[in-house]
Amino acid sequence: MSNSDLPTIYGFNKSSDGGPDSFGISIFLSGCNMRCPYCMNSRLVSRTDLKAVSFEDVSQYILENKVKWVTISGGEPTMSRNLPILIKRIKKLGSKVNLCTNGLNPEAIEQVLDDLSYVTLDIKTNNHEIYEKWTNELSIKEKALTNVIFTKCKLITSKMKRDDFDYEIRTTIVPKFVNEQTISEISGIIAKGEKWVLQKFRRTPDVSDEAGEEDVSDENILKIADVVRKNGKEVEVRYI
């Protein structure tokens, strides 16, 4: 099978700052079915000013460095044609695969779930109206949050069936949009024992002005995490 059958890779980080292994690598695919106002990878979403990375370069690095984990991120990877082929090709190189997803496309995730060793699921809010507002795909606008919950249920089932699979839920805290109240609301759909990562918003050149000027302080995010733990939920804090 030729590399022309693979989704185009538009980013390649030789380290991973989240997920199961910080010594793994990350690759990025373009396109997304959401338009979050605080997106850190908006160029991947809009597909502008992007330079492709060859799969040969990625695979050579994996083999030469015996990379154990590859994270596929975006954008939203499930929007990419032939994602299942990409995952299988990476596995043939000897690496395990972590998929970062917003969960809006549970059918696409189900297609690849058996080949994944880890999934990072973004849950942005527990508000149907906000999900509907931020979802850019008309056919799923009204059921966006429902799809996310459906995806989470699939991950729970997979973890129950497989000893070689795990997942985490990730939420980015952005004062203007995702704050202590939002986290409290999301907490209601986080099951006991689920790994939940509260991620500090990182301002990059690609972030829209719509994200607002205020950033969450380390002190505040740790305070929010303590409240979540007191409510019996397992939570980690990232990027402080």
Protein backbone atom coordinates (compact mmCIF):
# COMPACT_ATOMS: atom_id res chain seq x y z
CA MET A 1 0.00 0.00 0.00
CA SER A 2 1.44 3.37 -1.01
CA ASN A 3 1.84 6.40 1.19
CA SER A 4 -0.58 8.25 -1.09
CA ASP A 5 -3.34 6.34 0.70
CA LEU A 6 -2.47 8.05 4.00
CA PRO A 7 -3.89 11.29 5.42
CA THR A 8 -1.52 14.22 5.00
CA ILE A 9 0.55 14.99 8.09
CA TYR A 10 0.97 18.71 8.77
CA GLY A 11 2.89 18.68 12.02
CA PHE A 12 5.49 16.48 13.70
CA ASN A 13 6.70 16.96 17.28
CA LYS A 14 9.50 14.69 18.45
CA SER A 15 8.12 14.76 21.97
CA SER A 16 4.63 14.53 23.42
CA ASP A 17 3.43 16.92 26.11
CA GLY A 18 0.39 14.89 27.05
CA GLY A 19 -1.07 11.42 26.96
CA PRO A 20 0.49 8.14 28.08
CA ASP A 21 4.18 8.79 27.36
CA SER A 22 6.05 12.09 27.28
CA PHE A 23 8.86 10.36 25.36
CA GLY A 24 6.50 9.54 22.50
CA ILE A 25 6.02 11.67 19.40
CA SER A 26 3.04 13.61 18.08
CA ILE A 27 1.78 14.03 14.53
CA PHE A 28 -0.96 16.43 13.47
CA LEU A 29 -3.70 16.13 10.85
CA SER A 30 -5.78 18.99 9.46
CA GLY A 31 -9.48 19.83 9.53
CA CYS A 32 -11.98 19.96 12.37
CA ASN A 33 -15.73 19.77 12.91
CA MET A 34 -15.58 22.39 15.68
CA ARG A 35 -14.61 26.05 15.84
CA CYS A 36 -13.56 26.60 19.45
CA PRO A 37 -12.73 30.26 20.12
CA TYR A 38 -9.60 29.36 22.10
CA CYS A 39 -8.18 26.78 19.64
CA MET A 40 -4.39 26.62 19.80
CA ASN A 41 -4.09 24.94 16.38
CA SER A 42 -6.37 27.12 14.27
CA ARG A 43 -4.14 26.85 11.19
CA LEU A 44 -4.74 23.09 11.18
CA VAL A 45 -8.48 23.73 11.45
CA SER A 46 -8.62 26.24 8.59
CA ARG A 47 -5.96 24.40 6.54
CA THR A 48 -4.04 27.62 5.82
CA ASP A 49 -0.29 28.13 5.61
CA LEU A 50 0.51 24.47 6.16
CA LYS A 51 3.54 22.49 5.07
CA ALA A 52 3.18 18.74 4.72
CA VAL A 53 5.46 16.30 6.53
CA SER A 54 6.28 13.08 4.72
CA PHE A 55 5.29 9.81 6.33
CA GLU A 56 8.74 8.51 5.35
CA ASP A 57 10.38 11.07 7.65
CA VAL A 58 8.05 10.15 10.50
CA SER A 59 8.47 6.40 10.04
CA GLN A 60 12.27 6.71 9.79
CA TYR A 61 12.35 8.59 13.09
CA ILE A 62 10.10 5.99 14.73
CA LEU A 63 12.33 3.12 13.61
CA GLU A 64 15.65 4.79 14.37
CA ASN A 65 14.57 5.84 17.85
CA LYS A 66 12.39 2.81 18.64
CA VAL A 67 9.49 5.10 19.49
CA LYS A 68 6.97 3.29 21.69
CA TRP A 69 4.09 5.78 21.45
CA VAL A 70 2.72 7.94 18.65
CA THR A 71 0.00 10.49 19.37
CA ILE A 72 -2.25 11.47 16.46
CA SER A 73 -3.75 14.90 17.03
CA GLY A 74 -5.08 17.84 15.04
CA GLY A 75 -7.37 19.55 14.26
CA GLU A 76 -9.67 16.59 14.59
CA PRO A 77 -8.07 13.35 13.31
CA THR A 78 -11.38 11.59 12.66
CA MET A 79 -12.06 14.13 9.90
CA SER A 80 -9.15 12.71 7.90
CA ARG A 81 -9.77 10.16 5.19
CA ASN A 82 -8.04 6.81 5.71
CA LEU A 83 -7.24 7.40 9.39
CA PRO A 84 -7.55 3.60 9.96
CA ILE A 85 -4.80 2.97 7.40
CA LEU A 86 -2.49 5.48 9.08
CA ILE A 87 -3.00 3.87 12.48
CA LYS A 88 -2.28 0.39 11.14
CA ARG A 89 0.86 1.61 9.39
CA ILE A 90 2.15 3.14 12.62
CA LYS A 91 1.43 -0.06 14.53
CA LYS A 92 3.40 -2.06 11.96
CA LEU A 93 6.40 0.10 12.86
CA GLY A 94 6.14 -1.22 16.41
CA SER A 95 4.52 1.78 18.08
CA LYS A 96 1.36 2.05 20.14
CA VAL A 97 -1.11 4.75 19.11
CA ASN A 98 -2.86 7.43 21.16
CA LEU A 99 -5.68 9.28 19.40
CA CYS A 100 -6.64 12.79 20.52
CA THR A 101 -10.26 13.52 19.64
CA ASN A 102 -13.18 15.80 20.45
CA GLY A 103 -15.48 12.77 20.37
CA LEU A 104 -18.02 14.22 17.94
CA ASN A 105 -17.64 11.31 15.53
CA PRO A 106 -18.17 8.10 17.57
CA GLU A 107 -18.63 5.99 14.42
CA ALA A 108 -15.15 6.91 13.15
CA ILE A 109 -13.64 6.22 16.56
CA GLU A 110 -15.35 2.83 16.69
CA GLN A 111 -13.70 1.93 13.37
CA VAL A 112 -10.21 2.37 14.83
CA LEU A 113 -10.73 1.64 18.52
CA ASP A 114 -9.40 -1.93 18.40
CA ASP A 115 -6.10 -0.62 16.97
CA LEU A 116 -5.69 2.10 19.61
CA SER A 117 -3.91 1.68 22.92
CA TYR A 118 -4.98 5.04 24.33
CA VAL A 119 -7.50 7.81 23.61
CA THR A 120 -7.41 11.39 24.82
CA LEU A 121 -10.99 12.68 24.77
CA ASP A 122 -11.59 16.43 24.97
CA ILE A 123 -14.70 17.40 26.90
CA LYS A 124 -15.05 21.16 26.63
CA THR A 125 -18.25 21.75 28.59
CA ASN A 126 -21.42 20.04 29.78
CA ASN A 127 -23.63 22.53 27.96
CA HIS A 128 -25.54 21.38 24.87
CA GLU A 129 -26.03 24.93 23.59
CA ILE A 130 -22.31 25.74 23.67
CA TYR A 131 -21.44 22.52 21.87
CA GLU A 132 -24.08 23.32 19.27
CA LYS A 133 -22.66 26.84 18.85
CA TRP A 134 -19.07 25.66 18.44
CA THR A 135 -19.82 22.66 16.20
CA ASN A 136 -19.14 23.42 12.55
CA GLU A 137 -20.78 20.31 11.08
CA LEU A 138 -24.48 20.97 10.51
CA SER A 139 -25.55 17.31 10.61
CA ILE A 140 -24.37 16.85 14.21
CA LYS A 141 -24.86 20.31 15.73
CA GLU A 142 -27.90 19.37 17.80
CA LYS A 143 -26.41 16.10 19.04
CA ALA A 144 -22.78 17.16 19.49
CA LEU A 145 -22.57 16.70 23.26
CA THR A 146 -24.64 13.51 23.01
CA ASN A 147 -22.04 12.16 20.57
CA VAL A 148 -19.24 13.03 22.99
CA ILE A 149 -20.97 11.10 25.78
CA PHE A 150 -21.55 8.19 23.39
CA THR A 151 -17.84 8.17 22.56
CA LYS A 152 -16.98 8.16 26.26
CA CYS A 153 -19.22 5.13 26.75
CA LYS A 154 -17.36 3.32 23.97
CA LEU A 155 -14.06 4.06 25.70
CA ILE A 156 -15.37 2.74 29.01
CA THR A 157 -16.53 -0.46 27.32
CA SER A 158 -13.19 -0.92 25.56
CA LYS A 159 -11.26 -0.47 28.81
CA MET A 160 -13.47 -3.08 30.50
CA LYS A 161 -12.76 -5.57 27.72
CA ARG A 162 -9.05 -4.91 27.19
CA ASP A 163 -6.12 -4.84 29.58
CA ASP A 164 -4.00 -3.10 26.93
CA PHE A 165 -6.24 -0.04 26.54
CA ASP A 166 -6.78 3.12 28.55
CA TYR A 167 -8.06 6.66 28.07
CA GLU A 168 -8.13 10.07 29.65
CA ILE A 169 -10.59 12.95 29.56
CA ARG A 170 -9.08 16.38 29.01
CA THR A 171 -10.55 19.82 29.63
CA THR A 172 -8.78 23.10 28.89
CA ILE A 173 -9.46 25.88 31.37
CA VAL A 174 -9.93 29.27 29.69
CA PRO A 175 -11.38 31.92 32.05
CA LYS A 176 -13.66 33.49 29.43
CA PHE A 177 -15.25 30.17 28.40
CA VAL A 178 -14.24 27.32 30.72
CA ASN A 179 -14.04 28.25 34.40
CA GLU A 180 -14.71 26.83 37.85
CA GLN A 181 -18.47 26.66 37.20
CA THR A 182 -17.89 24.84 33.90
CA ILE A 183 -15.62 22.30 35.60
CA SER A 184 -18.25 21.73 38.29
CA GLU A 185 -20.83 21.00 35.58
CA ILE A 186 -18.51 18.65 33.67
CA SER A 187 -17.73 16.83 36.90
CA GLY A 188 -21.27 15.50 36.85
CA ILE A 189 -20.52 13.35 33.79
CA ILE A 190 -17.10 12.11 34.95
CA ALA A 191 -17.31 8.65 36.47
CA LYS A 192 -15.38 7.64 39.56
CA GLY A 193 -12.00 6.26 38.54
CA GLU A 194 -11.88 8.02 35.16
CA LYS A 195 -8.65 9.92 34.56
CA TRP A 196 -9.51 13.59 34.08
CA VAL A 197 -6.83 16.11 33.11
CA LEU A 198 -7.38 19.82 33.70
CA GLN A 199 -5.20 21.52 31.13
CA LYS A 200 -3.99 25.08 31.51
CA PHE A 201 -4.75 27.17 28.43
CA ARG A 202 -1.61 27.98 26.46
CA ARG A 203 -1.66 31.11 24.34
CA THR A 204 -0.04 30.56 20.94
CA PRO A 205 0.21 32.85 17.87
CA ASP A 206 -2.68 30.90 16.35
CA VAL A 207 -5.12 31.68 19.16
CA SER A 208 -7.95 34.05 18.21
CA ASP A 209 -8.48 37.35 20.04
CA GLU A 210 -11.90 35.93 20.89
CA ALA A 211 -10.22 33.82 23.57
CA GLY A 212 -9.90 36.92 25.74
CA GLU A 213 -6.86 38.39 27.43
CA GLU A 214 -7.15 36.75 30.84
CA ASP A 215 -5.24 33.55 31.58
CA VAL A 216 -5.98 31.19 34.46
CA SER A 217 -3.36 31.36 37.23
CA ASP A 218 -1.55 28.29 38.52
CA GLU A 219 -3.05 28.98 41.93
CA ASN A 220 -6.60 29.03 40.58
CA ILE A 221 -6.27 25.87 38.51
CA LEU A 222 -4.85 24.01 41.52
CA LYS A 223 -7.77 25.29 43.61
CA ILE A 224 -10.25 24.01 41.03
CA ALA A 225 -8.49 20.63 40.98
CA ASP A 226 -8.72 20.37 44.79
CA VAL A 227 -12.47 21.01 44.65
CA VAL A 228 -12.85 18.26 42.04
CA ARG A 229 -10.85 15.80 44.18
CA LYS A 230 -12.99 16.60 47.22
CA ASN A 231 -15.97 15.55 45.13
CA GLY A 232 -14.37 12.13 44.70
CA LYS A 233 -13.04 12.53 41.15
CA GLU A 234 -9.55 11.59 39.96
CA VAL A 235 -7.91 14.63 38.38
CA GLU A 236 -4.48 15.75 37.19
CA VAL A 237 -3.25 19.21 36.26
CA ARG A 238 -1.13 19.82 33.17
CA TYR A 239 1.02 22.77 31.98
CA ILE A 240 1.58 24.65 35.22
